Amino acid sequence: MSDNPGATHAQPKNPSGSPIKRGSPPRRWPLYLGLVVIAVLIVAYIDGGQEPIRPIIEPVAMPTSEGAQ
């Protein structure tokens, strides 16, 4: 049970010996959002390169008009 006065809960410590702060987590979402945007841009650059323009060459049937000369 936790009613034992001799039992103490040690606070976790980082390598420098100071206790780890258990406050609010750092706001890392801008970093993650930036990494996602960069990843999308890299994929778009690799996958969406320009292709040369090829002319469309195919015969087109022109309608004949009866009254034209």
C-alpha atoms as a PDB file:
ATOM      1  CA  MET A   1       0.000   0.000   0.000  1.00  0.00           C
ATOM      2  CA  SER A   2       1.044   3.594  -0.379  1.00  0.00           C
ATOM      3  CA  ASP A   3       0.439   4.350   3.325  1.00  0.00           C
ATOM      4  CA  ASN A   4       4.004   3.289   4.125  1.00  0.00           C
ATOM      5  CA  PRO A   5       5.826   6.464   5.305  1.00  0.00           C
ATOM      6  CA  GLY A   6       9.204   4.961   4.412  1.00  0.00           C
ATOM      7  CA  ALA A   7       8.278   4.508   0.753  1.00  0.00           C
ATOM      8  CA  THR A   8       9.164   7.524  -1.318  1.00  0.00           C
ATOM      9  CA  HIS A   9       8.614   7.978  -4.985  1.00  0.00           C
ATOM     10  CA  ALA A  10      11.803   9.085  -6.649  1.00  0.00           C
ATOM     11  CA  GLN A  11      11.405  11.775  -9.252  1.00  0.00           C
ATOM     12  CA  PRO A  12      12.927  10.740 -12.594  1.00  0.00           C
ATOM     13  CA  LYS A  13      16.145  12.540 -13.441  1.00  0.00           C
ATOM     14  CA  ASN A  14      17.817  13.350 -16.699  1.00  0.00           C
ATOM     15  CA  PRO A  15      21.526  12.593 -17.333  1.00  0.00           C
ATOM     16  CA  SER A  16      22.644  15.922 -15.836  1.00  0.00           C
ATOM     17  CA  GLY A  17      21.113  14.935 -12.476  1.00  0.00           C
ATOM     18  CA  SER A  18      18.353  17.540 -12.364  1.00  0.00           C
ATOM     19  CA  PRO A  19      14.735  16.383 -12.106  1.00  0.00           C
ATOM     20  CA  ILE A  20      12.723  16.095 -15.301  1.00  0.00           C
ATOM     21  CA  LYS A  21      10.005  18.735 -15.416  1.00  0.00           C
ATOM     22  CA  ARG A  22       6.521  17.333 -15.851  1.00  0.00           C
ATOM     23  CA  GLY A  23       4.882  20.535 -17.104  1.00  0.00           C
ATOM     24  CA  SER A  24       3.100  21.055 -20.367  1.00  0.00           C
ATOM     25  CA  PRO A  25       4.768  19.373 -23.331  1.00  0.00           C
ATOM     26  CA  PRO A  26       6.681  21.604 -25.731  1.00  0.00           C
ATOM     27  CA  ARG A  27       4.780  22.770 -28.749  1.00  0.00           C
ATOM     28  CA  ARG A  28       6.309  20.665 -31.477  1.00  0.00           C
ATOM     29  CA  TRP A  29       3.408  20.704 -33.917  1.00  0.00           C
ATOM     30  CA  PRO A  30       4.921  23.548 -36.001  1.00  0.00           C
ATOM     31  CA  LEU A  31       8.065  21.441 -36.431  1.00  0.00           C
ATOM     32  CA  TYR A  32       6.051  18.380 -37.427  1.00  0.00           C
ATOM     33  CA  LEU A  33       3.878  20.454 -39.770  1.00  0.00           C
ATOM     34  CA  GLY A  34       6.978  21.904 -41.422  1.00  0.00           C
ATOM     35  CA  LEU A  35       8.464  18.442 -41.897  1.00  0.00           C
ATOM     36  CA  VAL A  36       5.228  17.205 -43.491  1.00  0.00           C
ATOM     37  CA  VAL A  37       5.127  20.196 -45.854  1.00  0.00           C
ATOM     38  CA  ILE A  38       8.753  19.631 -46.871  1.00  0.00           C
ATOM     39  CA  ALA A  39       8.077  15.915 -47.445  1.00  0.00           C
ATOM     40  CA  VAL A  40       5.057  16.711 -49.645  1.00  0.00           C
ATOM     41  CA  LEU A  41       7.079  19.225 -51.658  1.00  0.00           C
ATOM     42  CA  ILE A  42       9.878  16.698 -52.191  1.00  0.00           C
ATOM     43  CA  VAL A  43       7.423  14.031 -53.370  1.00  0.00           C
ATOM     44  CA  ALA A  44       5.701  16.540 -55.674  1.00  0.00           C
ATOM     45  CA  TYR A  45       9.056  17.628 -57.118  1.00  0.00           C
ATOM     46  CA  ILE A  46      10.203  14.069 -57.778  1.00  0.00           C
ATOM     47  CA  ASP A  47       6.875  12.736 -59.059  1.00  0.00           C
ATOM     48  CA  GLY A  48       5.487  15.767 -60.871  1.00  0.00           C
ATOM     49  CA  GLY A  49       8.281  16.743 -63.216  1.00  0.00           C
ATOM     50  CA  GLN A  50       7.496  18.456 -66.478  1.00  0.00           C
ATOM     51  CA  GLU A  51       7.050  16.363 -69.575  1.00  0.00           C
ATOM     52  CA  PRO A  52       7.768  17.599 -73.090  1.00  0.00           C
ATOM     53  CA  ILE A  53       4.790  18.839 -75.068  1.00  0.00           C
ATOM     54  CA  ARG A  54       3.851  16.445 -77.847  1.00  0.00           C
ATOM     55  CA  PRO A  55       1.716  17.722 -80.711  1.00  0.00           C
ATOM     56  CA  ILE A  56      -1.550  15.892 -81.243  1.00  0.00           C
ATOM     57  CA  ILE A  57      -1.471  14.689 -84.825  1.00  0.00           C
ATOM     58  CA  GLU A  58      -4.564  12.971 -86.095  1.00  0.00           C
ATOM     59  CA  PRO A  59      -6.721  13.463 -89.158  1.00  0.00           C
ATOM     60  CA  VAL A  60      -9.867  15.513 -88.707  1.00  0.00           C
ATOM     61  CA  ALA A  61     -12.804  15.010 -91.037  1.00  0.00           C
ATOM     62  CA  MET A  62     -13.978  18.414 -92.239  1.00  0.00           C
ATOM     63  CA  PRO A  63     -17.665  18.709 -92.972  1.00  0.00           C
ATOM     64  CA  THR A  64     -18.455  19.741 -96.513  1.00  0.00           C
ATOM     65  CA  SER A  65     -20.878  22.564 -97.054  1.00  0.00           C
ATOM     66  CA  GLU A  66     -23.074  22.363-100.132  1.00  0.00           C
ATOM     67  CA  GLY A  67     -23.290  26.085-100.836  1.00  0.00           C
ATOM     68  CA  ALA A  68     -19.630  27.041-100.404  1.00  0.00           C
ATOM     69  CA  GLN A  69     -17.270  27.593-103.290  1.00  0.00           C
END
